Protein backbone atom coordinates (compact mmCIF):
# COMPACT_ATOMS: atom_id res chain seq x y z
CA UNK A 1 -8.18 -77.67 40.85
CA UNK A 2 -11.95 -77.70 40.34
CA UNK A 3 -13.69 -80.99 39.69
CA UNK A 4 -14.85 -81.54 36.14
CA UNK A 5 -18.57 -81.02 35.46
CA UNK A 6 -19.00 -84.76 35.03
CA UNK A 7 -17.56 -85.43 38.49
CA UNK A 8 -19.80 -82.77 39.98
CA UNK A 9 -22.91 -84.10 38.27
CA UNK A 10 -21.96 -87.66 39.05
CA UNK A 11 -21.63 -86.96 42.73
CA UNK A 12 -24.72 -84.73 42.71
CA UNK A 13 -26.87 -87.29 40.98
CA UNK A 14 -25.49 -90.10 43.08
CA UNK A 15 -26.63 -88.16 46.12
CA UNK A 16 -30.08 -88.06 44.60
CA UNK A 17 -30.01 -91.74 43.79
CA UNK A 18 -30.03 -91.36 40.02
CA UNK A 19 -27.80 -92.80 37.32
CA UNK A 20 -24.59 -90.83 36.61
CA UNK A 21 -24.37 -88.86 33.39
CA UNK A 22 -21.84 -90.42 31.04
CA UNK A 23 -18.83 -88.32 30.02
CA UNK A 24 -19.78 -88.51 26.34
CA UNK A 25 -22.94 -86.46 27.07
CA UNK A 26 -20.78 -83.60 28.30
CA UNK A 27 -18.51 -83.96 25.30
CA UNK A 28 -21.52 -83.76 22.98
CA UNK A 29 -22.79 -80.69 24.82
CA UNK A 30 -19.39 -79.03 24.49
CA UNK A 31 -19.19 -79.95 20.78
CA UNK A 32 -22.69 -78.56 20.27
CA UNK A 33 -21.71 -75.24 21.90
CA UNK A 34 -18.60 -75.03 19.72
CA UNK A 35 -20.56 -75.86 16.56
CA UNK A 36 -23.24 -73.32 17.48
CA UNK A 37 -20.56 -70.64 17.91
CA UNK A 38 -19.08 -71.53 14.49
CA UNK A 39 -22.54 -71.50 12.91
CA UNK A 40 -23.29 -68.07 14.37
CA UNK A 41 -19.96 -66.75 13.06
CA UNK A 42 -20.67 -68.13 9.58
CA UNK A 43 -24.16 -66.66 9.60
CA UNK A 44 -22.75 -63.29 10.64
CA UNK A 45 -20.28 -63.49 7.72
CA UNK A 46 -23.09 -64.27 5.31
CA UNK A 47 -25.09 -61.33 6.67
CA UNK A 48 -22.12 -59.03 6.10
CA UNK A 49 -21.67 -60.34 2.55
CA UNK A 50 -25.38 -59.84 1.89
CA UNK A 51 -25.10 -56.24 3.09
CA UNK A 52 -22.13 -55.71 0.78
CA UNK A 53 -24.16 -57.13 -2.10
CA UNK A 54 -27.03 -54.78 -1.29
CA UNK A 55 -24.60 -51.86 -1.35
CA UNK A 56 -23.24 -53.15 -4.68
CA UNK A 57 -26.74 -53.46 -6.10
CA UNK A 58 -27.52 -49.93 -4.99
CA UNK A 59 -24.37 -48.72 -6.75
CA UNK A 60 -25.34 -50.65 -9.89
CA UNK A 61 -28.78 -49.07 -9.75
CA UNK A 62 -27.15 -45.65 -9.57
CA UNK A 63 -25.01 -46.52 -12.61
CA UNK A 64 -28.11 -47.68 -14.48
CA UNK A 65 -29.94 -44.48 -13.53
CA UNK A 66 -26.98 -42.40 -14.67
CA UNK A 67 -26.77 -44.42 -17.89
CA UNK A 68 -30.47 -43.86 -18.53
CA UNK A 69 -29.97 -40.13 -18.08
CA UNK A 70 -27.04 -40.24 -20.50
CA UNK A 71 -29.20 -42.23 -22.93
CA UNK A 72 -31.94 -39.60 -22.75
CA UNK A 73 -29.39 -36.87 -23.32
CA UNK A 74 -27.95 -38.78 -26.29
CA UNK A 75 -31.43 -39.20 -27.76
CA UNK A 76 -32.07 -35.47 -27.37
CA UNK A 77 -28.80 -34.74 -29.11
CA UNK A 78 -29.74 -37.19 -31.86
CA UNK A 79 -33.08 -35.45 -32.31
CA UNK A 80 -31.28 -32.13 -32.36
CA UNK A 81 -28.82 -33.47 -34.92
CA UNK A 82 -31.69 -34.68 -37.10
CA UNK A 83 -33.31 -31.27 -36.84
CA UNK A 84 -30.03 -29.63 -37.81
CA UNK A 85 -29.76 -31.91 -40.84
CA UNK A 86 -33.31 -31.04 -41.89
CA UNK A 87 -32.59 -27.37 -41.48
CA UNK A 88 -29.40 -27.68 -43.50
CA UNK A 89 -31.24 -29.45 -46.29
CA UNK A 90 -33.89 -26.71 -46.40
CA UNK A 91 -31.22 -24.04 -46.72
CA UNK A 92 -29.48 -26.00 -49.45
CA UNK A 93 -32.63 -26.24 -51.59
CA UNK A 94 -33.73 -22.63 -50.98
CA UNK A 95 -30.43 -20.91 -51.59
CA UNK A 96 -27.71 -22.16 -53.92
CA UNK A 97 -25.52 -19.31 -52.75
CA UNK A 98 -25.25 -20.78 -49.25
CA UNK A 99 -24.51 -24.30 -50.53
CA UNK A 100 -21.08 -24.43 -48.94
CA UNK A 101 -22.46 -23.34 -45.58
CA UNK A 102 -25.30 -25.84 -45.81
CA UNK A 103 -22.89 -28.69 -46.59
CA UNK A 104 -20.86 -27.76 -43.54
CA UNK A 105 -23.99 -27.93 -41.38
CA UNK A 106 -24.92 -31.32 -42.82
CA UNK A 107 -21.45 -32.68 -42.11
CA UNK A 108 -21.55 -31.27 -38.61
CA UNK A 109 -24.97 -32.75 -37.97
CA UNK A 110 -23.86 -36.11 -39.39
CA UNK A 111 -20.85 -36.16 -37.11
CA UNK A 112 -23.00 -35.32 -34.11
CA UNK A 113 -25.43 -38.05 -35.11
CA UNK A 114 -22.62 -40.59 -35.45
CA UNK A 115 -21.15 -39.57 -32.12
CA UNK A 116 -24.56 -39.69 -30.48
CA UNK A 117 -25.31 -43.11 -32.01
CA UNK A 118 -21.95 -44.43 -30.95
CA UNK A 119 -22.41 -43.16 -27.40
CA UNK A 120 -25.96 -44.48 -27.32
CA UNK A 121 -24.75 -47.93 -28.44
CA UNK A 122 -22.00 -47.89 -25.82
CA UNK A 123 -24.47 -46.90 -23.13
CA UNK A 124 -26.93 -49.59 -24.20
CA UNK A 125 -24.16 -52.17 -24.16
CA UNK A 126 -23.06 -51.10 -20.66
CA UNK A 127 -26.64 -51.20 -19.43
CA UNK A 128 -27.11 -54.73 -20.79
CA UNK A 129 -23.81 -55.89 -19.30
CA UNK A 130 -24.72 -54.35 -15.95
CA UNK A 131 -28.16 -55.94 -16.02
CA UNK A 132 -26.64 -59.32 -16.85
CA UNK A 133 -24.10 -59.07 -14.03
CA UNK A 134 -26.79 -57.93 -11.62
CA UNK A 135 -29.15 -60.75 -12.63
CA UNK A 136 -26.36 -63.30 -12.31
CA UNK A 137 -25.30 -61.93 -8.93
CA UNK A 138 -28.90 -61.83 -7.68
CA UNK A 139 -29.49 -65.41 -8.86
CA UNK A 140 -26.23 -66.65 -7.37
CA UNK A 141 -26.92 -65.17 -3.93
CA UNK A 142 -30.60 -66.12 -3.96
CA UNK A 143 -29.64 -69.73 -4.79
CA UNK A 144 -26.92 -69.72 -2.16
CA UNK A 145 -29.21 -68.28 0.50
CA UNK A 146 -31.98 -70.74 -0.35
CA UNK A 147 -29.55 -73.67 -0.23
CA UNK A 148 -28.18 -72.42 3.08
CA UNK A 149 -31.65 -72.04 4.56
CA UNK A 150 -32.55 -75.53 3.37
CA UNK A 151 -29.35 -76.99 4.85
CA UNK A 152 -29.88 -75.21 8.15
CA UNK A 153 -33.45 -76.40 8.37
CA UNK A 154 -32.24 -79.96 7.82
CA UNK A 155 -29.57 -79.44 10.45
CA UNK A 156 -32.09 -78.21 12.98
CA UNK A 157 -34.25 -81.29 12.34
CA UNK A 158 -31.30 -83.60 12.80
CA UNK A 159 -29.48 -82.26 15.85
CA UNK A 160 -27.31 -85.35 16.06
CA UNK A 161 -25.70 -84.41 12.75
CA UNK A 162 -25.18 -80.74 13.70
CA UNK A 163 -21.37 -80.76 13.61
CA UNK A 164 -21.14 -82.42 10.19
CA UNK A 165 -23.79 -80.05 8.74
CA UNK A 166 -21.91 -76.99 9.96
CA UNK A 167 -18.66 -78.25 8.50
CA UNK A 168 -20.28 -79.10 5.16
CA UNK A 169 -22.04 -75.74 5.09
CA UNK A 170 -18.84 -73.81 5.74
CA UNK A 171 -16.92 -75.80 3.14
CA UNK A 172 -19.68 -75.40 0.55
CA UNK A 173 -19.96 -71.67 1.18
CA UNK A 174 -16.25 -71.11 0.74
CA UNK A 175 -16.20 -73.28 -2.42
CA UNK A 176 -19.22 -71.49 -3.95
CA UNK A 177 -17.79 -68.06 -3.14
CA UNK A 178 -14.46 -68.99 -4.74
CA UNK A 179 -16.21 -70.36 -7.86
CA UNK A 180 -18.29 -67.17 -8.13
CA UNK A 181 -15.17 -64.98 -7.84
CA UNK A 182 -13.40 -67.02 -10.54
CA UNK A 183 -16.45 -66.81 -12.82
CA UNK A 184 -16.65 -63.03 -12.42
CA UNK A 185 -12.91 -62.67 -13.05
CA UNK A 186 -13.20 -64.68 -16.30
CA UNK A 187 -16.08 -62.50 -17.46
CA UNK A 188 -14.13 -59.33 -16.73
CA UNK A 189 -11.22 -60.66 -18.77
CA UNK A 190 -13.57 -61.32 -21.71
CA UNK A 191 -14.86 -57.73 -21.56
């Protein structure tokens, strides 16, 4: 059985004529190493979550880009529908014999316009919802990161309180993440 570090240091320092190191110093050093390991694991988890958020934001950006393309297409179709309606009206005034055909074109153009307007409204609504979710998510994570940085800076300044800061930080992170998940779930249910 190997002697404990305190016994080794005690005998070593006694040989040098110095005061022995109390056992509580070694316990604090061990606690500090354990807390540092926990802190590094938590920070790694936050980094992974941040990467997942970045991937999510990139996906949202792709959805917004796709929605914008669909919006442009819907606007083109709306313009085309308006042109068709104008053309149909011209035919109706110029030739009473093609009145039935012109009415059919007007109805067709009106339907296309309604469909295009409906799709455009749906796309606009989805874009606004996506922007709101993105802004909320960005704000949530920015606030959380800023709070975490602030807490860690305080912890570094007060090394004697390191273990309590790490525990509070881990508890707060898990509570905030759970609250954020519940908030998002409620919003999805409303939609």
